[in-house]
Amino acid sequence: MMMGSFSIWHWVIVLVVVVLVFGTKKLGNLGSDLGKAVKGFKDGVKTNEDEAPQKSELDAKDDAGGTVVEGESKDHTKV
């Protein structure tokens, strides 16, 4: 047998040990929490992708009407 390759029996033993150490209830809660985290991440990515085109459309409308420059205004008409 080559080092680093495991048979199915190695994985079964590892699974049994993990279940005995953590218990099925804790593993179920862990799986549920992990699933919720993945779903939340996907929703967050989808929300950001949906907002990006809307923002660029608004920027295009602002640019068509002129350039907005932020800063102080000074009256240069006084002679």
Protein backbone atom coordinates (compact mmCIF):
# COMPACT_ATOMS: atom_id res chain seq x y z
CA MET A 1 0.00 0.00 0.00
CA MET A 2 1.28 3.45 -0.90
CA MET A 3 1.64 6.11 1.73
CA GLY A 4 -1.14 8.72 1.59
CA SER A 5 -3.77 6.50 0.01
CA PHE A 6 -6.50 5.24 2.29
CA SER A 7 -8.91 2.41 1.72
CA ILE A 8 -12.60 2.63 2.48
CA TRP A 9 -12.00 0.89 5.81
CA HIS A 10 -9.69 3.66 6.98
CA TRP A 11 -12.38 6.24 6.28
CA VAL A 12 -15.05 4.14 8.04
CA ILE A 13 -12.87 3.89 11.15
CA VAL A 14 -12.20 7.65 11.09
CA LEU A 15 -15.92 8.34 10.74
CA VAL A 16 -16.78 6.03 13.66
CA VAL A 17 -14.17 7.70 15.88
CA VAL A 18 -15.44 11.18 14.97
CA VAL A 19 -19.04 10.17 15.73
CA LEU A 20 -17.98 8.65 19.07
CA VAL A 21 -16.00 11.74 20.05
CA PHE A 22 -18.45 14.44 18.99
CA GLY A 23 -21.80 12.63 18.96
CA THR A 24 -24.42 12.67 16.25
CA LYS A 25 -26.35 15.65 17.65
CA LYS A 26 -23.31 17.94 17.68
CA LEU A 27 -22.30 16.79 14.18
CA GLY A 28 -25.86 17.45 12.95
CA ASN A 29 -25.79 20.95 14.43
CA LEU A 30 -22.40 21.56 12.85
CA GLY A 31 -23.71 20.46 9.45
CA SER A 32 -26.78 22.66 9.82
CA ASP A 33 -24.70 25.68 10.81
CA LEU A 34 -22.32 25.09 7.93
CA GLY A 35 -25.25 24.88 5.49
CA LYS A 36 -26.70 28.16 6.80
CA ALA A 37 -23.30 29.84 6.47
CA VAL A 38 -22.92 28.67 2.86
CA LYS A 39 -26.45 29.85 2.02
CA GLY A 40 -25.78 33.24 3.62
CA PHE A 41 -22.54 33.57 1.65
CA LYS A 42 -24.30 32.74 -1.63
CA ASP A 43 -27.08 35.24 -0.88
CA GLY A 44 -24.48 37.91 -0.08
CA VAL A 45 -22.61 37.30 -3.32
CA LYS A 46 -25.85 37.33 -5.32
CA THR A 47 -26.93 40.60 -3.64
CA ASN A 48 -23.61 42.27 -4.47
CA GLU A 49 -23.79 41.12 -8.09
CA ASP A 50 -27.35 42.47 -8.39
CA GLU A 51 -26.40 45.87 -6.92
CA ALA A 52 -23.28 46.41 -9.07
CA PRO A 53 -25.08 46.99 -12.41
CA GLN A 54 -27.62 49.33 -10.80
CA LYS A 55 -24.86 51.47 -9.34
CA SER A 56 -23.02 51.75 -12.65
CA GLU A 57 -26.26 52.77 -14.40
CA LEU A 58 -26.72 55.59 -11.89
CA ASP A 59 -23.12 56.67 -12.39
CA ALA A 60 -23.69 56.80 -16.16
CA LYS A 61 -26.74 59.04 -15.64
CA ASP A 62 -24.71 61.38 -13.40
CA ASP A 63 -21.88 61.60 -15.93
CA ALA A 64 -24.27 62.42 -18.78
CA GLY A 65 -25.54 65.51 -16.94
CA GLY A 66 -22.12 66.94 -16.17
CA THR A 67 -19.23 66.46 -13.82
CA VAL A 68 -19.76 66.72 -10.09
CA VAL A 69 -16.75 68.03 -8.21
CA GLU A 70 -16.70 67.96 -4.45
CA GLY A 71 -14.89 70.66 -2.53
CA GLU A 72 -15.11 74.29 -1.49
CA SER A 73 -16.53 76.93 -3.75
CA LYS A 74 -14.72 80.27 -3.97
CA ASP A 75 -16.12 83.36 -5.56
CA HIS A 76 -13.59 84.48 -8.21
CA THR A 77 -15.82 87.19 -9.72
CA LYS A 78 -14.73 89.90 -7.26
CA VAL A 79 -12.33 92.33 -8.91
